[in-house]
Amino acid sequence: MATDATVVAVVDAAIVLAAVLSLLCGYRAVRGPTVPDRVVALDAIATNVVAIAVLFAIKTDRGLYVTVALVLAIIGFLSTVAVAKFVTEGDVIVRQE
């Protein structure tokens, strides 16, 4: 069917686009002029990896990759919050004495 071939072609193009965007964000993460630029670049890379996992799940018709994408999204969110707190406050866990 032409529809299945079209979906596969669109998903393949989206995977390639997400991979290229991840590479560009990697450049920003390495060469970013400030720490917040690097944090945003790493968050964008995590988002692109989640998108690639979901697109791969669509392509292969396996739900396991959606679960992997959800776990990666949670880890990416928590790491971004931790790094942002470290950048703004200088410490991730504040001790109350």
PDB file of N, CA and C in Angstrom:
ATOM      1  N   MET A   1       0.833  -1.181   0.000  1.00  0.00           N
ATOM      2  CA  MET A   1       0.000   0.000   0.000  1.00  0.00           C
ATOM      3  C   MET A   1       0.874   1.240   0.000  1.00  0.00           C
ATOM      4  N   ALA A   2       0.435   2.224  -0.693  1.00  0.00           N
ATOM      5  CA  ALA A   2       1.188   3.468  -0.797  1.00  0.00           C
ATOM      6  C   ALA A   2       1.184   4.229   0.516  1.00  0.00           C
ATOM      7  N   THR A   3       0.148   4.067   1.331  1.00  0.00           N
ATOM      8  CA  THR A   3       0.070   4.793   2.594  1.00  0.00           C
ATOM      9  C   THR A   3       1.143   4.323   3.567  1.00  0.00           C
ATOM     10  N   ASP A   4       1.338   3.006   3.673  1.00  0.00           N
ATOM     11  CA  ASP A   4       2.377   2.488   4.561  1.00  0.00           C
ATOM     12  C   ASP A   4       3.757   2.951   4.118  1.00  0.00           C
ATOM     13  N   ALA A   5       4.002   2.951   2.831  1.00  0.00           N
ATOM     14  CA  ALA A   5       5.301   3.408   2.327  1.00  0.00           C
ATOM     15  C   ALA A   5       5.495   4.893   2.606  1.00  0.00           C
ATOM     16  N   THR A   6       4.426   5.655   2.531  1.00  0.00           N
ATOM     17  CA  THR A   6       4.522   7.090   2.828  1.00  0.00           C
ATOM     18  C   THR A   6       4.823   7.315   4.292  1.00  0.00           C
ATOM     19  N   VAL A   7       4.139   6.570   5.174  1.00  0.00           N
ATOM     20  CA  VAL A   7       4.386   6.712   6.610  1.00  0.00           C
ATOM     21  C   VAL A   7       5.819   6.344   6.949  1.00  0.00           C
ATOM     22  N   VAL A   8       6.306   5.267   6.382  1.00  0.00           N
ATOM     23  CA  VAL A   8       7.685   4.838   6.640  1.00  0.00           C
ATOM     24  C   VAL A   8       8.665   5.894   6.145  1.00  0.00           C
ATOM     25  N   ALA A   9       8.403   6.471   4.991  1.00  0.00           N
ATOM     26  CA  ALA A   9       9.304   7.505   4.457  1.00  0.00           C
ATOM     27  C   ALA A   9       9.294   8.750   5.338  1.00  0.00           C
ATOM     28  N   VAL A  10       8.120   9.147   5.804  1.00  0.00           N
ATOM     29  CA  VAL A  10       8.030  10.327   6.676  1.00  0.00           C
ATOM     30  C   VAL A  10       8.721  10.071   8.009  1.00  0.00           C
ATOM     31  N   VAL A  11       8.525   8.887   8.570  1.00  0.00           N
ATOM     32  CA  VAL A  11       9.169   8.546   9.845  1.00  0.00           C
ATOM     33  C   VAL A  11      10.685   8.491   9.672  1.00  0.00           C
ATOM     34  N   ASP A  12      11.146   7.919   8.591  1.00  0.00           N
ATOM     35  CA  ASP A  12      12.590   7.886   8.339  1.00  0.00           C
ATOM     36  C   ASP A  12      13.162   9.292   8.203  1.00  0.00           C
ATOM     37  N   ALA A  13      12.457  10.152   7.489  1.00  0.00           N
ATOM     38  CA  ALA A  13      12.921  11.539   7.346  1.00  0.00           C
ATOM     39  C   ALA A  13      12.925  12.257   8.695  1.00  0.00           C
ATOM     40  N   ALA A  14      11.928  11.988   9.520  1.00  0.00           N
ATOM     41  CA  ALA A  14      11.873  12.624  10.840  1.00  0.00           C
ATOM     42  C   ALA A  14      13.004  12.127  11.735  1.00  0.00           C
ATOM     43  N   ILE A  15      13.336  10.845  11.647  1.00  0.00           N
ATOM     44  CA  ILE A  15      14.454  10.309  12.432  1.00  0.00           C
ATOM     45  C   ILE A  15      15.765  10.972  12.013  1.00  0.00           C
ATOM     46  N   VAL A  16      15.970  11.112  10.722  1.00  0.00           N
ATOM     47  CA  VAL A  16      17.194  11.762  10.236  1.00  0.00           C
ATOM     48  C   VAL A  16      17.234  13.222  10.681  1.00  0.00           C
ATOM     49  N   LEU A  17      16.099  13.917  10.597  1.00  0.00           N
ATOM     50  CA  LEU A  17      16.037  15.315  11.027  1.00  0.00           C
ATOM     51  C   LEU A  17      16.338  15.455  12.519  1.00  0.00           C
ATOM     52  N   ALA A  18      15.765  14.575  13.333  1.00  0.00           N
ATOM     53  CA  ALA A  18      16.032  14.628  14.774  1.00  0.00           C
ATOM     54  C   ALA A  18      17.495  14.328  15.074  1.00  0.00           C
ATOM     55  N   ALA A  19      18.081  13.421  14.312  1.00  0.00           N
ATOM     56  CA  ALA A  19      19.499  13.102  14.524  1.00  0.00           C
ATOM     57  C   ALA A  19      20.383  14.287  14.161  1.00  0.00           C
ATOM     58  N   VAL A  20      20.065  14.954  13.062  1.00  0.00           N
ATOM     59  CA  VAL A  20      20.849  16.131  12.654  1.00  0.00           C
ATOM     60  C   VAL A  20      20.704  17.251  13.687  1.00  0.00           C
ATOM     61  N   LEU A  21      19.490  17.451  14.177  1.00  0.00           N
ATOM     62  CA  LEU A  21      19.282  18.468  15.204  1.00  0.00           C
ATOM     63  C   LEU A  21      20.032  18.134  16.492  1.00  0.00           C
ATOM     64  N   SER A  22      20.124  16.850  16.814  1.00  0.00           N
ATOM     65  CA  SER A  22      20.898  16.447  17.989  1.00  0.00           C
ATOM     66  C   SER A  22      22.373  16.774  17.805  1.00  0.00           C
ATOM     67  N   LEU A  23      22.868  16.573  16.589  1.00  0.00           N
ATOM     68  CA  LEU A  23      24.271  16.908  16.323  1.00  0.00           C
ATOM     69  C   LEU A  23      24.508  18.415  16.467  1.00  0.00           C
ATOM     70  N   LEU A  24      23.575  19.210  15.954  1.00  0.00           N
ATOM     71  CA  LEU A  24      23.717  20.663  16.081  1.00  0.00           C
ATOM     72  C   LEU A  24      23.652  21.092  17.550  1.00  0.00           C
ATOM     73  N   CYS A  25      22.784  20.459  18.310  1.00  0.00           N
ATOM     74  CA  CYS A  25      22.706  20.772  19.744  1.00  0.00           C
ATOM     75  C   CYS A  25      23.980  20.314  20.463  1.00  0.00           C
ATOM     76  N   GLY A  26      24.566  19.223  19.988  1.00  0.00           N
ATOM     77  CA  GLY A  26      25.833  18.773  20.547  1.00  0.00           C
ATOM     78  C   GLY A  26      26.937  19.795  20.343  1.00  0.00           C
ATOM     79  N   TYR A  27      26.927  20.413  19.173  1.00  0.00           N
ATOM     80  CA  TYR A  27      27.897  21.485  18.920  1.00  0.00           C
ATOM     81  C   TYR A  27      27.688  22.634  19.895  1.00  0.00           C
ATOM     82  N   ARG A  28      26.416  22.996  20.128  1.00  0.00           N
ATOM     83  CA  ARG A  28      26.114  24.085  21.072  1.00  0.00           C
ATOM     84  C   ARG A  28      26.503  23.687  22.502  1.00  0.00           C
ATOM     85  N   ALA A  29      26.323  22.419  22.835  1.00  0.00           N
ATOM     86  CA  ALA A  29      26.683  21.966  24.178  1.00  0.00           C
ATOM     87  C   ALA A  29      28.185  22.033  24.398  1.00  0.00           C
ATOM     88  N   VAL A  30      28.952  21.766  23.354  1.00  0.00           N
ATOM     89  CA  VAL A  30      30.415  21.801  23.486  1.00  0.00           C
ATOM     90  C   VAL A  30      30.926  23.236  23.427  1.00  0.00           C
ATOM     91  N   ARG A  31      30.431  24.026  22.491  1.00  0.00           N
ATOM     92  CA  ARG A  31      30.958  25.360  22.245  1.00  0.00           C
ATOM     93  C   ARG A  31      30.121  26.486  22.839  1.00  0.00           C
ATOM     94  N   GLY A  32      29.072  26.153  23.590  1.00  0.00           N
ATOM     95  CA  GLY A  32      28.174  27.184  24.110  1.00  0.00           C
ATOM     96  C   GLY A  32      28.927  28.242  24.892  1.00  0.00           C
ATOM     97  N   PRO A  33      28.599  29.486  24.681  1.00  0.00           N
ATOM     98  CA  PRO A  33      29.359  30.515  25.391  1.00  0.00           C
ATOM     99  C   PRO A  33      29.073  30.553  26.890  1.00  0.00           C
ATOM    100  N   THR A  34      27.884  30.161  27.302  1.00  0.00           N
ATOM    101  CA  THR A  34      27.553  30.199  28.728  1.00  0.00           C
ATOM    102  C   THR A  34      27.035  28.835  29.179  1.00  0.00           C
ATOM    103  N   VAL A  35      27.006  28.663  30.489  1.00  0.00           N
ATOM    104  CA  VAL A  35      26.509  27.400  31.044  1.00  0.00           C
ATOM    105  C   VAL A  35      25.021  27.199  30.749  1.00  0.00           C
ATOM    106  N   PRO A  36      24.165  28.227  30.879  1.00  0.00           N
ATOM    107  CA  PRO A  36      22.756  27.996  30.527  1.00  0.00           C
ATOM    108  C   PRO A  36      22.558  27.572  29.071  1.00  0.00           C
ATOM    109  N   ASP A  37      23.380  28.069  28.148  1.00  0.00           N
ATOM    110  CA  ASP A  37      23.283  27.615  26.762  1.00  0.00           C
ATOM    111  C   ASP A  37      23.564  26.118  26.668  1.00  0.00           C
ATOM    112  N   ARG A  38      24.552  25.675  27.402  1.00  0.00           N
ATOM    113  CA  ARG A  38      24.886  24.250  27.386  1.00  0.00           C
ATOM    114  C   ARG A  38      23.784  23.404  27.998  1.00  0.00           C
ATOM    115  N   VAL A  39      23.161  23.914  29.071  1.00  0.00           N
ATOM    116  CA  VAL A  39      22.068  23.176  29.710  1.00  0.00           C
ATOM    117  C   VAL A  39      20.884  23.049  28.755  1.00  0.00           C
ATOM    118  N   VAL A  40      20.544  24.129  28.078  1.00  0.00           N
ATOM    119  CA  VAL A  40      19.440  24.086  27.119  1.00  0.00           C
ATOM    120  C   VAL A  40      19.773  23.138  25.968  1.00  0.00           C
ATOM    121  N   ALA A  41      21.017  23.138  25.522  1.00  0.00           N
ATOM    122  CA  ALA A  41      21.420  22.236  24.440  1.00  0.00           C
ATOM    123  C   ALA A  41      21.307  20.777  24.874  1.00  0.00           C
ATOM    124  N   LEU A  42      21.719  20.477  26.095  1.00  0.00           N
ATOM    125  CA  LEU A  42      21.607  19.100  26.587  1.00  0.00           C
ATOM    126  C   LEU A  42      20.145  18.688  26.740  1.00  0.00           C
ATOM    127  N   ASP A  43      19.298  19.621  27.180  1.00  0.00           N
ATOM    128  CA  ASP A  43      17.873  19.318  27.276  1.00  0.00           C
ATOM    129  C   ASP A  43      17.278  19.072  25.893  1.00  0.00           C
ATOM    130  N   ALA A  44      17.697  19.843  24.914  1.00  0.00           N
ATOM    131  CA  ALA A  44      17.213  19.628  23.544  1.00  0.00           C
ATOM    132  C   ALA A  44      17.678  18.291  22.996  1.00  0.00           C
ATOM    133  N   ILE A  45      18.910  17.893  23.333  1.00  0.00           N
ATOM    134  CA  ILE A  45      19.396  16.579  22.897  1.00  0.00           C
ATOM    135  C   ILE A  45      18.548  15.471  23.509  1.00  0.00           C
ATOM    136  N   ALA A  46      18.229  15.612  24.798  1.00  0.00           N
ATOM    137  CA  ALA A  46      17.384  14.602  25.451  1.00  0.00           C
ATOM    138  C   ALA A  46      16.012  14.529  24.798  1.00  0.00           C
ATOM    139  N   THR A  47      15.463  15.682  24.462  1.00  0.00           N
ATOM    140  CA  THR A  47      14.160  15.699  23.797  1.00  0.00           C
ATOM    141  C   THR A  47      14.232  15.041  22.422  1.00  0.00           C
ATOM    142  N   ASN A  48      15.309  15.295  21.698  1.00  0.00           N
ATOM    143  CA  ASN A  48      15.469  14.674  20.378  1.00  0.00           C
ATOM    144  C   ASN A  48      15.637  13.162  20.483  1.00  0.00           C
ATOM    145  N   VAL A  49      16.337  12.707  21.505  1.00  0.00           N
ATOM    146  CA  VAL A  49      16.497  11.261  21.690  1.00  0.00           C
ATOM    147  C   VAL A  49      15.142  10.615  21.997  1.00  0.00           C
ATOM    148  N   VAL A  50      14.329  11.296  22.800  1.00  0.00           N
ATOM    149  CA  VAL A  50      12.983  10.783  23.085  1.00  0.00           C
ATOM    150  C   VAL A  50      12.165  10.723  21.794  1.00  0.00           C
ATOM    151  N   ALA A  51      12.280  11.759  20.984  1.00  0.00           N
ATOM    152  CA  ALA A  51      11.548  11.774  19.713  1.00  0.00           C
ATOM    153  C   ALA A  51      12.006  10.642  18.799  1.00  0.00           C
ATOM    154  N   ILE A  52      13.311  10.401  18.763  1.00  0.00           N
ATOM    155  CA  ILE A  52      13.826   9.307  17.933  1.00  0.00           C
ATOM    156  C   ILE A  52      13.291   7.963  18.424  1.00  0.00           C
ATOM    157  N   ALA A  53      13.221   7.773  19.749  1.00  0.00           N
ATOM    158  CA  ALA A  53      12.700   6.512  20.292  1.00  0.00           C
ATOM    159  C   ALA A  53      11.234   6.325  19.928  1.00  0.00           C
ATOM    160  N   VAL A  54      10.450   7.396  20.013  1.00  0.00           N
ATOM    161  CA  VAL A  54       9.031   7.290  19.658  1.00  0.00           C
ATOM    162  C   VAL A  54       8.868   7.028  18.156  1.00  0.00           C
ATOM    163  N   LEU A  55       9.649   7.714  17.356  1.00  0.00           N
ATOM    164  CA  LEU A  55       9.568   7.487  15.913  1.00  0.00           C
ATOM    165  C   LEU A  55       9.984   6.057  15.551  1.00  0.00           C
ATOM    166  N   PHE A  56      10.989   5.547  16.253  1.00  0.00           N
ATOM    167  CA  PHE A  56      11.410   4.167  16.006  1.00  0.00           C
ATOM    168  C   PHE A  56      10.314   3.193  16.436  1.00  0.00           C
ATOM    169  N   ALA A  57       9.588   3.528  17.525  1.00  0.00           N
ATOM    170  CA  ALA A  57       8.454   2.700  17.949  1.00  0.00           C
ATOM    171  C   ALA A  57       7.363   2.689  16.885  1.00  0.00           C
ATOM    172  N   ILE A  58       7.124   3.841  16.276  1.00  0.00           N
ATOM    173  CA  ILE A  58       6.120   3.911  15.206  1.00  0.00           C
ATOM    174  C   ILE A  58       6.585   3.080  14.007  1.00  0.00           C
ATOM    175  N   LYS A  59       7.862   3.203  13.685  1.00  0.00           N
ATOM    176  CA  LYS A  59       8.386   2.495  12.512  1.00  0.00           C
ATOM    177  C   LYS A  59       8.351   0.980  12.681  1.00  0.00           C
ATOM    178  N   THR A  60       8.728   0.506  13.880  1.00  0.00           N
ATOM    179  CA  THR A  60       8.800  -0.931  14.105  1.00  0.00           C
ATOM    180  C   THR A  60       7.519  -1.507  14.676  1.00  0.00           C
ATOM    181  N   ASP A  61       6.578  -0.650  15.067  1.00  0.00           N
ATOM    182  CA  ASP A  61       5.298  -1.060  15.647  1.00  0.00           C
ATOM    183  C   ASP A  61       5.495  -1.871  16.932  1.00  0.00           C
ATOM    184  N   ARG A  62       6.426  -1.416  17.762  1.00  0.00           N
ATOM    185  CA  ARG A  62       6.693  -2.054  19.056  1.00  0.00           C
ATOM    186  C   ARG A  62       6.520  -1.022  20.158  1.00  0.00           C
ATOM    187  N   GLY A  63       5.727  -1.374  21.158  1.00  0.00           N
ATOM    188  CA  GLY A  63       5.436  -0.449  22.249  1.00  0.00           C
ATOM    189  C   GLY A  63       6.552  -0.318  23.257  1.00  0.00           C
ATOM    190  N   LEU A  64       7.498  -1.229  23.223  1.00  0.00           N
ATOM    191  CA  LEU A  64       8.603  -1.180  24.184  1.00  0.00           C
ATOM    192  C   LEU A  64       9.394   0.119  24.063  1.00  0.00           C
ATOM    193  N   TYR A  65       9.543   0.622  22.852  1.00  0.00           N
ATOM    194  CA  TYR A  65      10.324   1.836  22.648  1.00  0.00           C
ATOM    195  C   TYR A  65       9.615   3.070  23.207  1.00  0.00           C
ATOM    196  N   VAL A  66       8.301   3.011  23.296  1.00  0.00           N
ATOM    197  CA  VAL A  66       7.563   4.112  23.919  1.00  0.00           C
ATOM    198  C   VAL A  66       7.866   4.141  25.419  1.00  0.00           C
ATOM    199  N   THR A  67       7.937   2.971  26.036  1.00  0.00           N
ATOM    200  CA  THR A  67       8.306   2.892  27.445  1.00  0.00           C
ATOM    201  C   THR A  67       9.716   3.421  27.665  1.00  0.00           C
ATOM    202  N   VAL A  68      10.617   3.042  26.793  1.00  0.00           N
ATOM    203  CA  VAL A  68      11.994   3.549  26.870  1.00  0.00           C
ATOM    204  C   VAL A  68      12.005   5.066  26.722  1.00  0.00           C
ATOM    205  N   ALA A  69      11.181   5.579  25.806  1.00  0.00           N
ATOM    206  CA  ALA A  69      11.112   7.033  25.594  1.00  0.00           C
ATOM    207  C   ALA A  69      10.588   7.741  26.835  1.00  0.00           C
ATOM    208  N   LEU A  70       9.607   7.153  27.503  1.00  0.00           N
ATOM    209  CA  LEU A  70       9.078   7.764  28.726  1.00  0.00           C
ATOM    210  C   LEU A  70      10.134   7.807  29.826  1.00  0.00           C
ATOM    211  N   VAL A  71      10.871   6.724  29.979  1.00  0.00           N
ATOM    212  CA  VAL A  71      11.936   6.705  30.996  1.00  0.00           C
ATOM    213  C   VAL A  71      13.015   7.733  30.656  1.00  0.00           C
ATOM    214  N   LEU A  72      13.381   7.812  29.380  1.00  0.00           N
ATOM    215  CA  LEU A  72      14.371   8.814  28.979  1.00  0.00           C
ATOM    216  C   LEU A  72      13.871  10.231  29.213  1.00  0.00           C
ATOM    217  N   ALA A  73      12.591  10.465  28.982  1.00  0.00           N
ATOM    218  CA  ALA A  73      12.024  11.797  29.215  1.00  0.00           C
ATOM    219  C   ALA A  73      12.066  12.164  30.683  1.00  0.00           C
ATOM    220  N   ILE A  74      11.753  11.199  31.549  1.00  0.00           N
ATOM    221  CA  ILE A  74      11.797  11.463  32.992  1.00  0.00           C
ATOM    222  C   ILE A  74      13.225  11.751  33.435  1.00  0.00           C
ATOM    223  N   ILE A  75      14.166  10.936  32.975  1.00  0.00           N
ATOM    224  CA  ILE A  75      15.568  11.152  33.345  1.00  0.00           C
ATOM    225  C   ILE A  75      16.067  12.493  32.820  1.00  0.00           C
ATOM    226  N   GLY A  76      15.695  12.835  31.593  1.00  0.00           N
ATOM    227  CA  GLY A  76      16.100  14.119  31.029  1.00  0.00           C
ATOM    228  C   GLY A  76      15.533  15.288  31.798  1.00  0.00           C
ATOM    229  N   PHE A  77      14.256  15.190  32.199  1.00  0.00           N
ATOM    230  CA  PHE A  77      13.639  16.267  32.967  1.00  0.00           C
ATOM    231  C   PHE A  77      14.323  16.433  34.323  1.00  0.00           C
ATOM    232  N   LEU A  78      14.525  15.334  35.029  1.00  0.00           N
ATOM    233  CA  LEU A  78      15.149  15.423  36.352  1.00  0.00           C
ATOM    234  C   LEU A  78      16.581  15.948  36.264  1.00  0.00           C
ATOM    235  N   SER A  79      17.322  15.509  35.269  1.00  0.00           N
ATOM    236  CA  SER A  79      18.697  15.995  35.143  1.00  0.00           C
ATOM    237  C   SER A  79      18.729  17.478  34.782  1.00  0.00           C
ATOM    238  N   THR A  80      17.796  17.922  33.966  1.00  0.00           N
ATOM    239  CA  THR A  80      17.751  19.345  33.618  1.00  0.00           C
ATOM    240  C   THR A  80      17.410  20.187  34.838  1.00  0.00           C
ATOM    241  N   VAL A  81      16.466  19.733  35.644  1.00  0.00           N
ATOM    242  CA  VAL A  81      16.108  20.467  36.862  1.00  0.00           C
ATOM    243  C   VAL A  81      17.294  20.503  37.826  1.00  0.00           C
ATOM    244  N   ALA A  82      17.987  19.378  37.977  1.00  0.00           N
ATOM    245  CA  ALA A  82      19.133  19.332  38.879  1.00  0.00           C
ATOM    246  C   ALA A  82      20.251  20.264  38.415  1.00  0.00           C
ATOM    247  N   VAL A  83      20.546  20.263  37.133  1.00  0.00           N
ATOM    248  CA  VAL A  83      21.610  21.126  36.621  1.00  0.00           C
ATOM    249  C   VAL A  83      21.204  22.593  36.720  1.00  0.00           C
ATOM    250  N   ALA A  84      19.936  22.888  36.428  1.00  0.00           N
ATOM    251  CA  ALA A  84      19.471  24.271  36.545  1.00  0.00           C
ATOM    252  C   ALA A  84      19.550  24.760  37.987  1.00  0.00           C
ATOM    253  N   LYS A  85      19.205  23.899  38.933  1.00  0.00           N
ATOM    254  CA  LYS A  85      19.303  24.286  40.344  1.00  0.00           C
ATOM    255  C   LYS A  85      20.759  24.468  40.741  1.00  0.00           C
ATOM    256  N   PHE A  86      21.630  23.622  40.235  1.00  0.00           N
ATOM    257  CA  PHE A  86      23.052  23.767  40.538  1.00  0.00           C
ATOM    258  C   PHE A  86      23.602  25.070  39.970  1.00  0.00           C
ATOM    259  N   VAL A  87      23.168  25.417  38.778  1.00  0.00           N
ATOM    260  CA  VAL A  87      23.662  26.648  38.146  1.00  0.00           C
ATOM    261  C   VAL A  87      23.159  27.883  38.898  1.00  0.00           C
ATOM    262  N   THR A  88      21.906  27.862  39.318  1.00  0.00           N
ATOM    263  CA  THR A  88      21.341  29.055  39.957  1.00  0.00           C
ATOM    264  C   THR A  88      21.726  29.177  41.418  1.00  0.00           C
ATOM    265  N   GLU A  89      21.783  28.047  42.155  1.00  0.00           N
ATOM    266  CA  GLU A  89      22.022  28.114  43.591  1.00  0.00           C
ATOM    267  C   GLU A  89      23.396  27.613  44.007  1.00  0.00           C
ATOM    268  N   GLY A  90      24.119  26.946  43.126  1.00  0.00           N
ATOM    269  CA  GLY A  90      25.445  26.460  43.460  1.00  0.00           C
ATOM    270  C   GLY A  90      25.452  25.126  44.166  1.00  0.00           C
ATOM    271  N   ASP A  91      24.282  24.571  44.466  1.00  0.00           N
ATOM    272  CA  ASP A  91      24.190  23.280  45.125  1.00  0.00           C
ATOM    273  C   ASP A  91      22.853  22.652  44.754  1.00  0.00           C
ATOM    274  N   VAL A  92      22.818  21.334  44.631  1.00  0.00           N
ATOM    275  CA  VAL A  92      21.577  20.662  44.250  1.00  0.00           C
ATOM    276  C   VAL A  92      20.722  20.414  45.484  1.00  0.00           C
ATOM    277  N   ILE A  93      21.331  19.931  46.548  1.00  0.00           N
ATOM    278  CA  ILE A  93      20.618  19.640  47.795  1.00  0.00           C
ATOM    279  C   ILE A  93      21.067  20.653  48.839  1.00  0.00           C
ATOM    280  N   VAL A  94      20.120  21.416  49.339  1.00  0.00           N
ATOM    281  CA  VAL A  94      20.427  22.428  50.342  1.00  0.00           C
ATOM    282  C   VAL A  94      20.175  21.836  51.722  1.00  0.00           C
ATOM    283  N   ARG A  95      21.192  21.891  52.565  1.00  0.00           N
ATOM    284  CA  ARG A  95      21.059  21.359  53.921  1.00  0.00           C
ATOM    285  C   ARG A  95      20.509  22.430  54.846  1.00  0.00           C
ATOM    286  N   GLN A  96      19.529  22.063  55.640  1.00  0.00           N
ATOM    287  CA  GLN A  96      18.949  22.989  56.613  1.00  0.00           C
ATOM    288  C   GLN A  96      19.543  22.662  57.977  1.00  0.00           C
ATOM    289  N   GLU A  97      20.237  23.616  58.568  1.00  0.00           N
ATOM    290  CA  GLU A  97      20.830  23.367  59.892  1.00  0.00           C
ATOM    291  C   GLU A  97      20.221  24.276  60.925  1.00  0.00           C
TER     292      GLU A  97
END
